[in-house]
């Protein structure tokens, strides 16, 4: 028997809504590796514009995945970190990374 599932009721779709797309997985990966500042992220992501990076970071922040901390310095320094909710994604990201690495090896 095949179960009918609507998009809004699919837990995998829900997850992909939060962390899917072209840029969010890369942003999450880099912040997890310690690249927590805008300039470092922009340099580390081939082909992303400043506007797109800002938009994606804002969405991750609005979804409760990232914290954005502004330091009162001149010039202002902004750092991104994971919320507890964002950290709950680590096992998922780790599993996706392990699977991706394995598949990439097999394609060579």
Protein backbone atom coordinates (compact mmCIF):
# COMPACT_ATOMS: atom_id res chain seq x y z
CA UNK A 1 0.00 0.00 0.00
CA UNK A 2 1.30 3.45 -0.92
CA UNK A 3 0.59 6.20 1.54
CA UNK A 4 -0.45 9.58 0.11
CA UNK A 5 1.42 12.41 1.76
CA UNK A 6 0.88 16.09 1.12
CA UNK A 7 3.95 18.31 0.82
CA UNK A 8 3.06 20.21 4.00
CA UNK A 9 2.81 16.96 5.96
CA UNK A 10 6.12 15.45 4.81
CA UNK A 11 8.82 15.67 7.49
CA UNK A 12 11.63 15.40 4.91
CA UNK A 13 10.17 18.32 2.95
CA UNK A 14 9.92 20.30 6.19
CA UNK A 15 13.61 19.69 6.88
CA UNK A 16 14.60 20.61 3.33
CA UNK A 17 12.55 23.80 3.60
CA UNK A 18 14.75 24.82 6.53
CA UNK A 19 18.18 23.75 5.27
CA UNK A 20 17.76 22.95 1.59
CA UNK A 21 18.56 24.92 -1.51
CA UNK A 22 21.78 25.82 -3.24
CA UNK A 23 23.45 27.89 -0.52
CA UNK A 24 22.16 26.95 2.94
CA UNK A 25 23.91 23.56 3.15
CA UNK A 26 27.24 25.21 2.28
CA UNK A 27 26.67 28.02 4.79
CA UNK A 28 25.79 25.52 7.53
CA UNK A 29 28.82 23.39 6.63
CA UNK A 30 31.23 26.35 6.74
CA UNK A 31 29.87 27.83 9.98
CA UNK A 32 30.14 24.38 11.53
CA UNK A 33 33.81 24.34 10.42
CA UNK A 34 34.44 27.71 12.11
CA UNK A 35 33.80 30.24 9.33
CA UNK A 36 31.50 32.44 11.39
CA UNK A 37 31.94 35.88 9.82
CA UNK A 38 30.29 37.30 6.71
CA UNK A 39 33.52 38.03 4.83
CA UNK A 40 34.95 34.59 5.54
CA UNK A 41 31.73 32.96 4.37
CA UNK A 42 31.63 35.04 1.20
CA UNK A 43 35.23 34.14 0.35
CA UNK A 44 34.54 30.48 1.12
CA UNK A 45 31.50 30.10 -1.13
CA UNK A 46 32.24 30.14 -4.84
CA UNK A 47 29.70 32.17 -6.82
CA UNK A 48 27.54 33.62 -4.03
CA UNK A 49 26.77 37.33 -4.07
CA UNK A 50 26.76 39.53 -0.98
CA UNK A 51 23.01 40.01 -1.35
CA UNK A 52 22.32 36.27 -1.59
CA UNK A 53 24.58 35.46 1.37
CA UNK A 54 22.85 38.12 3.47
CA UNK A 55 19.42 36.77 2.44
CA UNK A 56 20.32 33.17 3.26
CA UNK A 57 21.87 34.12 6.62
CA UNK A 58 18.77 36.16 7.44
CA UNK A 59 16.50 33.18 6.62
CA UNK A 60 18.59 30.84 8.76
CA UNK A 61 18.38 33.37 11.58
CA UNK A 62 14.60 33.82 11.15
CA UNK A 63 14.16 30.03 11.22
CA UNK A 64 15.99 29.92 14.56
CA UNK A 65 18.99 27.99 13.22
CA UNK A 66 21.59 30.75 13.59
CA UNK A 67 22.33 33.47 16.11
CA UNK A 68 23.73 36.75 14.86
CA UNK A 69 25.87 38.69 17.31
CA UNK A 70 26.93 42.26 16.59
CA UNK A 71 29.97 43.51 18.49
CA UNK A 72 29.99 47.25 19.26
CA UNK A 73 33.31 47.97 17.58
CA UNK A 74 34.41 50.19 14.76
CA UNK A 75 33.98 48.79 12.22
CA UNK A 76 31.19 46.61 13.62
CA UNK A 77 31.97 42.90 13.78
CA UNK A 78 29.19 40.35 13.22
CA UNK A 79 29.54 36.67 14.05
CA UNK A 80 27.18 33.81 13.40
CA UNK A 81 26.73 30.78 15.61
CA UNK A 82 24.24 27.95 15.93
CA UNK A 83 21.31 28.07 18.28
CA UNK A 84 20.44 24.93 20.25
CA UNK A 85 17.78 24.31 17.58
CA UNK A 86 20.46 24.68 14.89
CA UNK A 87 22.77 22.31 16.74
CA UNK A 88 19.99 19.71 16.67
CA UNK A 89 20.63 19.57 12.89
CA UNK A 90 24.24 18.38 13.36
CA UNK A 91 23.45 14.64 13.22
CA UNK A 92 21.49 15.21 10.00
CA UNK A 93 24.25 17.31 8.45
CA UNK A 94 26.87 14.76 9.55
CA UNK A 95 24.89 11.90 7.99
CA UNK A 96 24.44 13.84 4.75
CA UNK A 97 28.15 14.67 4.70
CA UNK A 98 29.19 11.06 5.28
CA UNK A 99 26.82 9.82 2.59
CA UNK A 100 28.00 12.50 0.15
CA UNK A 101 31.68 11.72 0.75
CA UNK A 102 31.05 8.02 0.17
CA UNK A 103 29.12 8.62 -3.04
CA UNK A 104 31.71 11.10 -4.33
CA UNK A 105 34.44 8.46 -3.85
CA UNK A 106 32.43 5.93 -5.83
CA UNK A 107 31.97 8.34 -8.75
CA UNK A 108 35.71 8.84 -9.20
